[in-house]
Amino acid sequence: MPRRGHIRHGSLQFYPRKKARKILPRISWSLLSKNDKGPLGFIGYKVGMASAYVRDNSTTSLSKGKRIVIPVTIIEIPDIKILSTRFYKNGNVVGEILNNSLDKELKKKIKLPKDKNEGKKAIKIEDFKKKYNDIRIVAYTQAKKTGIKKNPDIAEIGISGDLDEKLDFVKNNLSKEISVNEFLNGDVIKRGLVDVRGVTKGKGFQGSTKRFGLSLQFHKSEKGVRGPGSGGAWHPARVDFTQPMSGQMGYFTRVLYNNKIILVENIKNKNINPEEGFKKFGKIKNDYLIISGSVQGPPKRQLLITVPLRPSKGQIKKNYEFLELIWKEQKNK
């Protein structure tokens, strides 16, 4: 039999290959689209993957009007609440006002500052008089409404619109729960695309063969078979960073662009839970999002879903009508 092999992989664009500092990454919100009103991103939890029956309504597709099967990823998206409001000037924070009505679960997650204005008139958002040119919110999830954990996840989220529209959004939603419908509206739903940012599944310390896909050496080779044949030239007498070496594999921050939205629904309106719940996750209890393809990370992994940075015309043209999940139909049979 011929030897199985594949080309070496491991793009140098992702260096340095080390563990992510935090699960929910920071984003340059100023680069994202600002055509709609509302938040530019949302926090969700990966449920898992499944196969779904959809009707292909794409105008230029060869399977137009037919019932096809595609792989999908399910993400549970509970409501979020505003933790604080940040004011920016030329990319720097010039002020931050903490929300007065916060959940007690936050005390386990972060150390809340003491009220310095006790006995004084509390500072309100409309009283902030320093010059600023951008407003963002620090939001936290209602994780207690899910079946996976209680402590919320916190992330900074940008807001679309001009300064007055951003200020009105914060004032109107300061003490409210913000649903995913506030995010998936207008231009986002019209395009049907989202970007997913998160951390991949961690695999620990791995050798160079598994990490970079090196082909195995001949079985009589000296100093091991699962490793590079040479670490580089004698001169210059150093090992370049481009040489494949052992180290951390997985738990990297990655972005998946232009994921097609298949369905956005509440579990009360359309129940897709199996009787025993989803494997390694349980049952969905809130709004959920079904997108085409796979998403990085294991089940229960926190994901930051944002408006598309660079929407592609090919993905926008796709139009899928969700019918049902395949495992649900097979179980009934």
C-alpha atoms as a PDB file:
ATOM      1  CA  MET A   1       0.000   0.000   0.000  1.00  0.00           C
ATOM      2  CA  PRO A   2       1.206   3.533  -0.629  1.00  0.00           C
ATOM      3  CA  ARG A   3       2.073   5.642   2.400  1.00  0.00           C
ATOM      4  CA  ARG A   4      -0.611   8.018   3.520  1.00  0.00           C
ATOM      5  CA  GLY A   5       0.536  11.589   3.645  1.00  0.00           C
ATOM      6  CA  HIS A   6      -0.484  15.196   3.283  1.00  0.00           C
ATOM      7  CA  ILE A   7       1.238  18.507   2.844  1.00  0.00           C
ATOM      8  CA  ARG A   8       2.586  20.288   5.858  1.00  0.00           C
ATOM      9  CA  HIS A   9       0.111  22.746   7.385  1.00  0.00           C
ATOM     10  CA  GLY A  10       0.375  25.540   9.920  1.00  0.00           C
ATOM     11  CA  SER A  11       0.011  29.057   8.538  1.00  0.00           C
ATOM     12  CA  LEU A  12       2.554  31.631   9.701  1.00  0.00           C
ATOM     13  CA  GLN A  13      -0.258  34.202   9.806  1.00  0.00           C
ATOM     14  CA  PHE A  14      -1.378  32.787  13.168  1.00  0.00           C
ATOM     15  CA  TYR A  15       1.942  33.133  15.002  1.00  0.00           C
ATOM     16  CA  PRO A  16       2.643  33.140  17.903  1.00  0.00           C
ATOM     17  CA  ARG A  17       0.791  29.886  18.626  1.00  0.00           C
ATOM     18  CA  LYS A  18      -0.008  30.301  22.292  1.00  0.00           C
ATOM     19  CA  LYS A  19      -3.104  30.059  24.480  1.00  0.00           C
ATOM     20  CA  ALA A  20      -5.701  32.798  24.281  1.00  0.00           C
ATOM     21  CA  ARG A  21      -5.732  35.220  27.201  1.00  0.00           C
ATOM     22  CA  LYS A  22      -9.520  35.157  27.463  1.00  0.00           C
ATOM     23  CA  ILE A  23     -12.371  33.299  25.835  1.00  0.00           C
ATOM     24  CA  LEU A  24     -14.275  36.334  24.533  1.00  0.00           C
ATOM     25  CA  PRO A  25     -11.833  38.421  22.466  1.00  0.00           C
ATOM     26  CA  ARG A  26     -11.702  42.175  22.023  1.00  0.00           C
ATOM     27  CA  ILE A  27     -12.885  43.583  18.706  1.00  0.00           C
ATOM     28  CA  SER A  28     -12.210  46.773  16.761  1.00  0.00           C
ATOM     29  CA  TRP A  29     -15.858  47.824  16.729  1.00  0.00           C
ATOM     30  CA  SER A  30     -15.091  50.920  14.663  1.00  0.00           C
ATOM     31  CA  LEU A  31     -14.366  48.668  11.649  1.00  0.00           C
ATOM     32  CA  LEU A  32     -17.759  46.949  11.644  1.00  0.00           C
ATOM     33  CA  SER A  33     -20.840  48.083   9.764  1.00  0.00           C
ATOM     34  CA  LYS A  34     -22.955  50.812  11.321  1.00  0.00           C
ATOM     35  CA  ASN A  35     -25.956  50.775   8.985  1.00  0.00           C
ATOM     36  CA  ASP A  36     -28.478  49.607  11.596  1.00  0.00           C
ATOM     37  CA  LYS A  37     -29.462  50.756  15.065  1.00  0.00           C
ATOM     38  CA  GLY A  38     -28.620  48.600  18.046  1.00  0.00           C
ATOM     39  CA  PRO A  39     -25.714  46.455  19.248  1.00  0.00           C
ATOM     40  CA  LEU A  40     -23.091  45.282  16.767  1.00  0.00           C
ATOM     41  CA  GLY A  41     -22.572  41.971  18.554  1.00  0.00           C
ATOM     42  CA  PHE A  42     -24.065  39.422  20.921  1.00  0.00           C
ATOM     43  CA  ILE A  43     -22.840  36.656  23.232  1.00  0.00           C
ATOM     44  CA  GLY A  44     -23.968  33.078  22.739  1.00  0.00           C
ATOM     45  CA  TYR A  45     -23.174  29.525  23.847  1.00  0.00           C
ATOM     46  CA  LYS A  46     -22.436  26.728  21.416  1.00  0.00           C
ATOM     47  CA  VAL A  47     -24.930  23.867  21.705  1.00  0.00           C
ATOM     48  CA  GLY A  48     -23.492  21.541  19.079  1.00  0.00           C
ATOM     49  CA  MET A  49     -23.811  20.429  15.458  1.00  0.00           C
ATOM     50  CA  ALA A  50     -26.557  18.618  13.591  1.00  0.00           C
ATOM     51  CA  SER A  51     -27.766  17.930  10.069  1.00  0.00           C
ATOM     52  CA  ALA A  52     -30.833  19.801   8.886  1.00  0.00           C
ATOM     53  CA  TYR A  53     -33.332  19.527   6.072  1.00  0.00           C
ATOM     54  CA  VAL A  54     -33.641  22.886   4.303  1.00  0.00           C
ATOM     55  CA  ARG A  55     -35.279  24.065   1.105  1.00  0.00           C
ATOM     56  CA  ASP A  56     -32.785  25.765  -1.183  1.00  0.00           C
ATOM     57  CA  ASN A  57     -34.397  28.981  -2.430  1.00  0.00           C
ATOM     58  CA  SER A  58     -31.194  30.444  -3.918  1.00  0.00           C
ATOM     59  CA  THR A  59     -31.922  31.913  -7.341  1.00  0.00           C
ATOM     60  CA  THR A  60     -28.771  30.642  -9.062  1.00  0.00           C
ATOM     61  CA  SER A  61     -28.446  27.296  -7.278  1.00  0.00           C
ATOM     62  CA  LEU A  62     -28.561  23.979  -9.127  1.00  0.00           C
ATOM     63  CA  SER A  63     -30.752  22.595  -6.327  1.00  0.00           C
ATOM     64  CA  LYS A  64     -33.213  25.498  -6.410  1.00  0.00           C
ATOM     65  CA  GLY A  65     -36.535  24.576  -4.831  1.00  0.00           C
ATOM     66  CA  LYS A  66     -35.292  21.171  -3.695  1.00  0.00           C
ATOM     67  CA  ARG A  67     -35.063  19.702  -0.203  1.00  0.00           C
ATOM     68  CA  ILE A  68     -31.398  19.248   0.682  1.00  0.00           C
ATOM     69  CA  VAL A  69     -29.329  18.333   3.732  1.00  0.00           C
ATOM     70  CA  ILE A  70     -26.698  20.693   5.153  1.00  0.00           C
ATOM     71  CA  PRO A  71     -24.570  20.656   8.333  1.00  0.00           C
ATOM     72  CA  VAL A  72     -25.609  23.296  10.862  1.00  0.00           C
ATOM     73  CA  THR A  73     -24.455  24.618  14.233  1.00  0.00           C
ATOM     74  CA  ILE A  74     -26.903  25.538  16.994  1.00  0.00           C
ATOM     75  CA  ILE A  75     -26.079  28.436  19.343  1.00  0.00           C
ATOM     76  CA  GLU A  76     -28.165  29.376  22.385  1.00  0.00           C
ATOM     77  CA  ILE A  77     -28.412  33.135  22.888  1.00  0.00           C
ATOM     78  CA  PRO A  78     -29.837  34.303  26.233  1.00  0.00           C
ATOM     79  CA  ASP A  79     -30.676  37.963  26.840  1.00  0.00           C
ATOM     80  CA  ILE A  80     -27.942  40.375  27.883  1.00  0.00           C
ATOM     81  CA  LYS A  81     -27.967  43.340  30.256  1.00  0.00           C
ATOM     82  CA  ILE A  82     -25.814  46.455  30.435  1.00  0.00           C
ATOM     83  CA  LEU A  83     -23.093  46.420  33.085  1.00  0.00           C
ATOM     84  CA  SER A  84     -21.583  49.817  32.316  1.00  0.00           C
ATOM     85  CA  THR A  85     -21.328  52.478  29.621  1.00  0.00           C
ATOM     86  CA  ARG A  86     -17.928  53.484  28.235  1.00  0.00           C
ATOM     87  CA  PHE A  87     -17.155  56.808  26.570  1.00  0.00           C
ATOM     88  CA  TYR A  88     -14.279  56.916  24.069  1.00  0.00           C
ATOM     89  CA  LYS A  89     -12.223  59.756  22.650  1.00  0.00           C
ATOM     90  CA  ASN A  90      -9.847  58.910  19.775  1.00  0.00           C
ATOM     91  CA  GLY A  91      -9.797  55.240  20.778  1.00  0.00           C
ATOM     92  CA  ASN A  92      -9.149  55.871  24.498  1.00  0.00           C
ATOM     93  CA  VAL A  93     -11.585  55.514  27.391  1.00  0.00           C
ATOM     94  CA  VAL A  94     -12.341  58.929  28.905  1.00  0.00           C
ATOM     95  CA  GLY A  95     -15.071  57.777  31.283  1.00  0.00           C
ATOM     96  CA  GLU A  96     -17.190  54.841  32.400  1.00  0.00           C
ATOM     97  CA  ILE A  97     -20.492  54.876  34.281  1.00  0.00           C
ATOM     98  CA  LEU A  98     -21.608  51.750  36.119  1.00  0.00           C
ATOM     99  CA  ASN A  99     -25.231  50.646  35.982  1.00  0.00           C
ATOM    100  CA  ASN A 100     -26.989  50.889  39.341  1.00  0.00           C
ATOM    101  CA  SER A 101     -29.312  47.883  38.933  1.00  0.00           C
ATOM    102  CA  LEU A 102     -27.046  44.828  38.661  1.00  0.00           C
ATOM    103  CA  ASP A 103     -27.581  41.143  39.338  1.00  0.00           C
ATOM    104  CA  LYS A 104     -26.074  39.516  42.422  1.00  0.00           C
ATOM    105  CA  GLU A 105     -24.359  36.877  40.250  1.00  0.00           C
ATOM    106  CA  LEU A 106     -21.897  39.554  39.114  1.00  0.00           C
ATOM    107  CA  LYS A 107     -20.346  39.700  42.580  1.00  0.00           C
ATOM    108  CA  LYS A 108     -18.970  36.192  42.055  1.00  0.00           C
ATOM    109  CA  LYS A 109     -17.589  37.103  38.640  1.00  0.00           C
ATOM    110  CA  ILE A 110     -16.032  40.545  39.189  1.00  0.00           C
ATOM    111  CA  LYS A 111     -15.181  42.837  42.064  1.00  0.00           C
ATOM    112  CA  LEU A 112     -17.647  45.689  41.886  1.00  0.00           C
ATOM    113  CA  PRO A 113     -16.327  49.099  43.035  1.00  0.00           C
ATOM    114  CA  LYS A 114     -17.718  50.725  46.156  1.00  0.00           C
ATOM    115  CA  ASP A 115     -20.162  53.567  45.688  1.00  0.00           C
ATOM    116  CA  LYS A 116     -18.005  56.707  45.998  1.00  0.00           C
ATOM    117  CA  ASN A 117     -21.023  58.929  45.451  1.00  0.00           C
ATOM    118  CA  GLU A 118     -22.823  57.721  48.580  1.00  0.00           C
ATOM    119  CA  GLY A 119     -24.671  60.653  50.078  1.00  0.00           C
ATOM    120  CA  LYS A 120     -24.097  62.673  46.904  1.00  0.00           C
ATOM    121  CA  LYS A 121     -26.078  63.082  43.740  1.00  0.00           C
ATOM    122  CA  ALA A 122     -25.481  60.040  41.514  1.00  0.00           C
ATOM    123  CA  ILE A 123     -23.834  60.650  38.140  1.00  0.00           C
ATOM    124  CA  LYS A 124     -26.120  59.843  35.227  1.00  0.00           C
ATOM    125  CA  ILE A 125     -25.244  59.168  31.625  1.00  0.00           C
ATOM    126  CA  GLU A 126     -26.767  62.418  30.414  1.00  0.00           C
ATOM    127  CA  ASP A 127     -24.628  64.308  32.971  1.00  0.00           C
ATOM    128  CA  PHE A 128     -21.382  63.083  31.425  1.00  0.00           C
ATOM    129  CA  LYS A 129     -19.923  66.295  29.992  1.00  0.00           C
ATOM    130  CA  LYS A 130     -16.436  65.254  28.858  1.00  0.00           C
ATOM    131  CA  LYS A 131     -15.915  65.355  25.116  1.00  0.00           C
ATOM    132  CA  TYR A 132     -16.251  61.953  23.472  1.00  0.00           C
ATOM    133  CA  ASN A 133     -16.743  60.619  19.957  1.00  0.00           C
ATOM    134  CA  ASP A 134     -17.855  57.037  20.629  1.00  0.00           C
ATOM    135  CA  ILE A 135     -20.044  55.127  23.090  1.00  0.00           C
ATOM    136  CA  ARG A 136     -19.887  51.402  23.826  1.00  0.00           C
ATOM    137  CA  ILE A 137     -21.466  49.170  26.418  1.00  0.00           C
ATOM    138  CA  VAL A 138     -20.058  46.448  28.645  1.00  0.00           C
ATOM    139  CA  ALA A 139     -22.704  43.721  28.660  1.00  0.00           C
ATOM    140  CA  TYR A 140     -23.169  40.509  30.626  1.00  0.00           C
ATOM    141  CA  THR A 141     -25.257  37.462  29.778  1.00  0.00           C
ATOM    142  CA  GLN A 142     -28.218  36.054  31.687  1.00  0.00           C
ATOM    143  CA  ALA A 143     -26.405  32.732  32.063  1.00  0.00           C
ATOM    144  CA  LYS A 144     -28.654  31.722  34.953  1.00  0.00           C
ATOM    145  CA  LYS A 145     -31.483  31.310  32.435  1.00  0.00           C
ATOM    146  CA  THR A 146     -29.545  28.566  30.662  1.00  0.00           C
ATOM    147  CA  GLY A 147     -28.948  25.061  31.959  1.00  0.00           C
ATOM    148  CA  ILE A 148     -25.145  25.172  31.797  1.00  0.00           C
ATOM    149  CA  LYS A 149     -24.017  27.621  34.509  1.00  0.00           C
ATOM    150  CA  LYS A 150     -24.936  30.623  36.677  1.00  0.00           C
ATOM    151  CA  ASN A 151     -22.009  33.047  36.454  1.00  0.00           C
ATOM    152  CA  PRO A 152     -22.447  35.524  33.579  1.00  0.00           C
ATOM    153  CA  ASP A 153     -19.943  36.253  30.822  1.00  0.00           C
ATOM    154  CA  ILE A 154     -18.845  39.836  30.230  1.00  0.00           C
ATOM    155  CA  ALA A 155     -17.746  41.511  27.005  1.00  0.00           C
ATOM    156  CA  GLU A 156     -17.564  44.978  25.487  1.00  0.00           C
ATOM    157  CA  ILE A 157     -20.010  45.495  22.617  1.00  0.00           C
ATOM    158  CA  GLY A 158     -20.157  48.343  20.129  1.00  0.00           C
ATOM    159  CA  ILE A 159     -23.331  50.195  19.141  1.00  0.00           C
ATOM    160  CA  SER A 160     -24.304  51.330  15.653  1.00  0.00           C
ATOM    161  CA  GLY A 161     -25.581  54.773  14.692  1.00  0.00           C
ATOM    162  CA  ASP A 162     -24.466  58.307  15.485  1.00  0.00           C
ATOM    163  CA  LEU A 163     -23.752  59.594  18.994  1.00  0.00           C
ATOM    164  CA  ASP A 164     -27.348  60.615  19.682  1.00  0.00           C
ATOM    165  CA  GLU A 165     -28.691  57.230  18.564  1.00  0.00           C
ATOM    166  CA  LYS A 166     -26.106  55.417  20.688  1.00  0.00           C
ATOM    167  CA  LEU A 167     -26.979  57.523  23.736  1.00  0.00           C
ATOM    168  CA  ASP A 168     -30.707  56.903  23.239  1.00  0.00           C
ATOM    169  CA  PHE A 169     -30.117  53.151  22.946  1.00  0.00           C
ATOM    170  CA  VAL A 170     -28.210  53.081  26.245  1.00  0.00           C
ATOM    171  CA  LYS A 171     -30.832  55.168  28.056  1.00  0.00           C
ATOM    172  CA  ASN A 172     -33.725  53.071  26.784  1.00  0.00           C
ATOM    173  CA  ASN A 173     -32.104  49.729  27.624  1.00  0.00           C
ATOM    174  CA  LEU A 174     -30.145  50.555  30.781  1.00  0.00           C
ATOM    175  CA  SER A 175     -32.402  48.544  33.089  1.00  0.00           C
ATOM    176  CA  LYS A 176     -33.861  46.187  30.465  1.00  0.00           C
ATOM    177  CA  GLU A 177     -32.912  42.811  29.081  1.00  0.00           C
ATOM    178  CA  ILE A 178     -31.729  43.074  25.473  1.00  0.00           C
ATOM    179  CA  SER A 179     -32.802  40.178  23.257  1.00  0.00           C
ATOM    180  CA  VAL A 180     -31.060  38.868  20.163  1.00  0.00           C
ATOM    181  CA  ASN A 181     -33.772  40.475  17.995  1.00  0.00           C
ATOM    182  CA  GLU A 182     -32.236  43.876  18.818  1.00  0.00           C
ATOM    183  CA  PHE A 183     -29.045  42.640  17.153  1.00  0.00           C
ATOM    184  CA  LEU A 184     -30.412  40.584  14.260  1.00  0.00           C
ATOM    185  CA  ASN A 185     -32.440  43.280  12.554  1.00  0.00           C
ATOM    186  CA  GLY A 186     -32.377  45.329   9.392  1.00  0.00           C
ATOM    187  CA  ASP A 187     -29.227  44.921   7.336  1.00  0.00           C
ATOM    188  CA  VAL A 188     -27.973  41.896   9.299  1.00  0.00           C
ATOM    189  CA  ILE A 189     -31.119  39.861   8.589  1.00  0.00           C
ATOM    190  CA  LYS A 190     -31.265  41.173   5.011  1.00  0.00           C
ATOM    191  CA  ARG A 191     -27.778  39.821   4.344  1.00  0.00           C
ATOM    192  CA  GLY A 192     -28.290  36.803   6.564  1.00  0.00           C
ATOM    193  CA  LEU A 193     -24.620  36.715   7.581  1.00  0.00           C
ATOM    194  CA  VAL A 194     -22.760  36.876  10.900  1.00  0.00           C
ATOM    195  CA  ASP A 195     -19.149  36.531  11.986  1.00  0.00           C
ATOM    196  CA  VAL A 196     -18.359  34.200  14.885  1.00  0.00           C
ATOM    197  CA  ARG A 197     -15.409  34.919  17.163  1.00  0.00           C
ATOM    198  CA  GLY A 198     -14.252  32.521  19.831  1.00  0.00           C
ATOM    199  CA  VAL A 199     -11.601  30.138  21.106  1.00  0.00           C
ATOM    200  CA  THR A 200     -10.947  26.746  19.536  1.00  0.00           C
ATOM    201  CA  LYS A 201     -10.910  23.449  21.403  1.00  0.00           C
ATOM    202  CA  GLY A 202      -7.722  23.136  23.487  1.00  0.00           C
ATOM    203  CA  LYS A 203      -5.482  20.090  22.876  1.00  0.00           C
ATOM    204  CA  GLY A 204      -2.571  20.889  25.180  1.00  0.00           C
ATOM    205  CA  PHE A 205       1.135  20.393  24.477  1.00  0.00           C
ATOM    206  CA  GLN A 206       1.616  18.440  21.249  1.00  0.00           C
ATOM    207  CA  GLY A 207       4.547  17.374  19.111  1.00  0.00           C
ATOM    208  CA  SER A 208       5.550  18.877  15.800  1.00  0.00           C
ATOM    209  CA  THR A 209       4.023  16.068  13.708  1.00  0.00           C
ATOM    210  CA  LYS A 210       0.495  16.482  15.081  1.00  0.00           C
ATOM    211  CA  ARG A 211       0.846  20.243  15.412  1.00  0.00           C
ATOM    212  CA  PHE A 212       2.084  20.977  11.884  1.00  0.00           C
ATOM    213  CA  GLY A 213       1.309  17.827   9.900  1.00  0.00           C
ATOM    214  CA  LEU A 214       4.875  16.659   9.226  1.00  0.00           C
ATOM    215  CA  SER A 215       5.260  13.373   7.397  1.00  0.00           C
ATOM    216  CA  LEU A 216       6.861  10.562   9.408  1.00  0.00           C
ATOM    217  CA  GLN A 217      10.522   9.816   8.768  1.00  0.00           C
ATOM    218  CA  PHE A 218      11.929   6.438   7.717  1.00  0.00           C
ATOM    219  CA  HIS A 219      11.775   3.906  10.555  1.00  0.00           C
ATOM    220  CA  LYS A 220      15.588   3.645  10.749  1.00  0.00           C
ATOM    221  CA  SER A 221      16.030   7.395  11.173  1.00  0.00           C
ATOM    222  CA  GLU A 222      18.115   8.605  14.108  1.00  0.00           C
ATOM    223  CA  LYS A 223      16.760  10.708  16.963  1.00  0.00           C
ATOM    224  CA  GLY A 224      13.116   9.796  16.428  1.00  0.00           C
ATOM    225  CA  VAL A 225      10.620   9.418  13.647  1.00  0.00           C
ATOM    226  CA  ARG A 226       7.948  11.976  14.635  1.00  0.00           C
ATOM    227  CA  GLY A 227       9.954  15.153  14.236  1.00  0.00           C
ATOM    228  CA  PRO A 228      11.637  17.454  11.708  1.00  0.00           C
ATOM    229  CA  GLY A 229      14.680  16.079   9.936  1.00  0.00           C
ATOM    230  CA  SER A 230      16.637  19.282  10.371  1.00  0.00           C
ATOM    231  CA  GLY A 231      16.286  22.360  12.535  1.00  0.00           C
ATOM    232  CA  GLY A 232      17.869  24.616   9.919  1.00  0.00           C
ATOM    233  CA  ALA A 233      21.240  25.449   8.384  1.00  0.00           C
ATOM    234  CA  TRP A 234      24.529  25.644  10.289  1.00  0.00           C
ATOM    235  CA  HIS A 235      24.911  29.295   9.398  1.00  0.00           C
ATOM    236  CA  PRO A 236      23.241  31.441  10.522  1.00  0.00           C
ATOM    237  CA  ALA A 237      23.593  29.341  13.676  1.00  0.00           C
ATOM    238  CA  ARG A 238      20.081  29.657  15.038  1.00  0.00           C
ATOM    239  CA  VAL A 239      16.686  28.022  14.805  1.00  0.00           C
ATOM    240  CA  ASP A 240      14.207  30.189  12.893  1.00  0.00           C
ATOM    241  CA  PHE A 241      10.706  30.657  14.274  1.00  0.00           C
ATOM    242  CA  THR A 242       9.347  29.178  11.047  1.00  0.00           C
ATOM    243  CA  GLN A 243      10.686  25.729  11.965  1.00  0.00           C
ATOM    244  CA  PRO A 244       7.906  23.359  13.102  1.00  0.00           C
ATOM    245  CA  MET A 245       8.416  22.661  16.801  1.00  0.00           C
ATOM    246  CA  SER A 246       6.346  21.176  19.601  1.00  0.00           C
ATOM    247  CA  GLY A 247       4.165  23.430  21.749  1.00  0.00           C
ATOM    248  CA  GLN A 248       0.633  24.521  22.521  1.00  0.00           C
ATOM    249  CA  MET A 249      -2.056  23.243  20.161  1.00  0.00           C
ATOM    250  CA  GLY A 250      -5.587  24.586  20.234  1.00  0.00           C
ATOM    251  CA  TYR A 251      -7.259  27.120  22.527  1.00  0.00           C
ATOM    252  CA  PHE A 252      -6.514  29.797  19.946  1.00  0.00           C
ATOM    253  CA  THR A 253      -8.669  32.823  19.136  1.00  0.00           C
ATOM    254  CA  ARG A 254     -10.145  32.438  15.669  1.00  0.00           C
ATOM    255  CA  VAL A 255     -12.757  34.212  13.522  1.00  0.00           C
ATOM    256  CA  LEU A 256     -15.168  32.522  11.114  1.00  0.00           C
ATOM    257  CA  TYR A 257     -16.443  35.017   8.557  1.00  0.00           C
ATOM    258  CA  ASN A 258     -19.791  35.118   6.727  1.00  0.00           C
ATOM    259  CA  ASN A 259     -21.720  32.316   8.426  1.00  0.00           C
ATOM    260  CA  LYS A 260     -25.145  31.965   6.819  1.00  0.00           C
ATOM    261  CA  ILE A 261     -28.130  32.336   9.180  1.00  0.00           C
ATOM    262  CA  ILE A 262     -30.606  29.483   8.777  1.00  0.00           C
ATOM    263  CA  LEU A 263     -33.041  30.235  11.614  1.00  0.00           C
ATOM    264  CA  VAL A 264     -33.476  32.601  14.574  1.00  0.00           C
ATOM    265  CA  GLU A 265     -36.214  31.485  16.947  1.00  0.00           C
ATOM    266  CA  ASN A 266     -37.298  31.133  20.573  1.00  0.00           C
ATOM    267  CA  ILE A 267     -37.515  27.656  22.062  1.00  0.00           C
ATOM    268  CA  LYS A 268     -41.122  28.329  23.161  1.00  0.00           C
ATOM    269  CA  ASN A 269     -42.213  29.012  19.584  1.00  0.00           C
ATOM    270  CA  LYS A 270     -40.250  26.216  17.897  1.00  0.00           C
ATOM    271  CA  ASN A 271     -38.934  23.476  20.157  1.00  0.00           C
ATOM    272  CA  ILE A 272     -35.950  21.621  18.670  1.00  0.00           C
ATOM    273  CA  ASN A 273     -34.827  19.964  21.918  1.00  0.00           C
ATOM    274  CA  PRO A 274     -34.483  16.176  21.876  1.00  0.00           C
ATOM    275  CA  GLU A 275     -36.128  14.399  24.810  1.00  0.00           C
ATOM    276  CA  GLU A 276     -32.768  13.639  26.433  1.00  0.00           C
ATOM    277  CA  GLY A 277     -31.274  17.036  25.565  1.00  0.00           C
ATOM    278  CA  PHE A 278     -28.295  17.834  23.403  1.00  0.00           C
ATOM    279  CA  LYS A 279     -25.132  15.837  24.042  1.00  0.00           C
ATOM    280  CA  LYS A 280     -22.774  17.555  26.537  1.00  0.00           C
ATOM    281  CA  PHE A 281     -25.072  20.589  26.672  1.00  0.00           C
ATOM    282  CA  GLY A 282     -28.579  19.763  27.829  1.00  0.00           C
ATOM    283  CA  LYS A 283     -31.735  21.508  26.725  1.00  0.00           C
ATOM    284  CA  ILE A 284     -32.088  24.949  25.154  1.00  0.00           C
ATOM    285  CA  LYS A 285     -34.213  27.328  27.256  1.00  0.00           C
ATOM    286  CA  ASN A 286     -33.882  30.680  25.449  1.00  0.00           C
ATOM    287  CA  ASP A 287     -33.534  32.100  21.954  1.00  0.00           C
ATOM    288  CA  TYR A 288     -31.314  30.129  19.622  1.00  0.00           C
ATOM    289  CA  LEU A 289     -29.530  30.693  16.332  1.00  0.00           C
ATOM    290  CA  ILE A 290     -28.926  28.052  13.661  1.00  0.00           C
ATOM    291  CA  ILE A 291     -26.142  28.814  11.172  1.00  0.00           C
ATOM    292  CA  SER A 292     -24.721  26.833   8.294  1.00  0.00           C
ATOM    293  CA  GLY A 293     -21.468  24.925   8.781  1.00  0.00           C
ATOM    294  CA  SER A 294     -19.284  24.387  11.812  1.00  0.00           C
ATOM    295  CA  VAL A 295     -18.097  26.739  14.545  1.00  0.00           C
ATOM    296  CA  GLN A 296     -14.938  26.613  16.636  1.00  0.00           C
ATOM    297  CA  GLY A 297     -14.901  25.309  20.189  1.00  0.00           C
ATOM    298  CA  PRO A 298     -16.544  22.492  22.197  1.00  0.00           C
ATOM    299  CA  PRO A 299     -20.165  22.532  23.462  1.00  0.00           C
ATOM    300  CA  LYS A 300     -20.907  25.233  26.070  1.00  0.00           C
ATOM    301  CA  ARG A 301     -18.101  27.425  24.657  1.00  0.00           C
ATOM    302  CA  GLN A 302     -18.808  31.162  24.772  1.00  0.00           C
ATOM    303  CA  LEU A 303     -18.949  32.821  21.347  1.00  0.00           C
ATOM    304  CA  LEU A 304     -19.094  36.450  20.260  1.00  0.00           C
ATOM    305  CA  ILE A 305     -21.419  36.855  17.280  1.00  0.00           C
ATOM    306  CA  THR A 306     -20.980  40.082  15.320  1.00  0.00           C
ATOM    307  CA  VAL A 307     -22.198  41.751  12.150  1.00  0.00           C
ATOM    308  CA  PRO A 308     -20.119  40.737   9.095  1.00  0.00           C
ATOM    309  CA  LEU A 309     -16.843  42.584   8.642  1.00  0.00           C
ATOM    310  CA  ARG A 310     -16.559  41.881   4.896  1.00  0.00           C
ATOM    311  CA  PRO A 311     -19.782  40.272   3.599  1.00  0.00           C
ATOM    312  CA  SER A 312     -19.302  38.180   0.464  1.00  0.00           C
ATOM    313  CA  LYS A 313     -21.782  38.299  -2.427  1.00  0.00           C
ATOM    314  CA  GLY A 314     -21.798  34.523  -2.796  1.00  0.00           C
ATOM    315  CA  GLN A 315     -22.953  33.987   0.789  1.00  0.00           C
ATOM    316  CA  ILE A 316     -25.565  36.754   0.577  1.00  0.00           C
ATOM    317  CA  LYS A 317     -27.157  35.083  -2.463  1.00  0.00           C
ATOM    318  CA  LYS A 318     -27.745  31.845  -0.535  1.00  0.00           C
ATOM    319  CA  ASN A 319     -31.289  31.493   0.779  1.00  0.00           C
ATOM    320  CA  TYR A 320     -32.246  28.490   2.914  1.00  0.00           C
ATOM    321  CA  GLU A 321     -35.661  27.763   4.416  1.00  0.00           C
ATOM    322  CA  PHE A 322     -35.340  25.662   7.558  1.00  0.00           C
ATOM    323  CA  LEU A 323     -37.547  22.569   7.642  1.00  0.00           C
ATOM    324  CA  GLU A 324     -36.379  20.231  10.420  1.00  0.00           C
ATOM    325  CA  LEU A 325     -33.420  18.525  12.028  1.00  0.00           C
ATOM    326  CA  ILE A 326     -32.644  15.070  10.686  1.00  0.00           C
ATOM    327  CA  TRP A 327     -32.121  13.320  14.029  1.00  0.00           C
ATOM    328  CA  LYS A 328     -35.614  14.384  15.092  1.00  0.00           C
ATOM    329  CA  GLU A 329     -37.189  12.768  12.033  1.00  0.00           C
ATOM    330  CA  GLN A 330     -35.161   9.581  12.344  1.00  0.00           C
ATOM    331  CA  LYS A 331     -36.174   9.153  15.985  1.00  0.00           C
ATOM    332  CA  ASN A 332     -39.868   9.354  15.074  1.00  0.00           C
ATOM    333  CA  LYS A 333     -39.347   6.610  12.512  1.00  0.00           C
END
